[in-house]
């Protein structure tokens, strides 16, 4: 069983930056895909970005491409989401998630992920 804890959220002005962290415990995540999702009030959970086990392959949603960068430090059992050029529409609760299957593909569907953190709030003011 793996536990995921997100941190780094907060209130930022439009155009600003934040770096989110997803720290894993209970099991190493070095062999597993990790993804970030977000959910705004009244909206469905939305894929943000995913990273392969080795960190060599990443995938972003169209809305975050060129602004958000996902990375990982397997020695620290942690995955990061660097968010630049933030917009008010990026306001949401951000979750990290991982799978129970090794070396899986970079899925954008939340149904493919088995373990979730509690989320960290990101609020972008205009």
Foldseek 3Di string as FASTA:
>chain_A
DKAWAKDFADEEAAQAKIKMKIAIPPDQCLQWKKFKWWDDPPDDIFGAKIAWSPRPDMDGDPVQPPFWDWGDDSVRSMIMIIGGRDDQVVWTWMKMFIDPDGGDDGDGDPVRTDYIYPTDTHGYHD
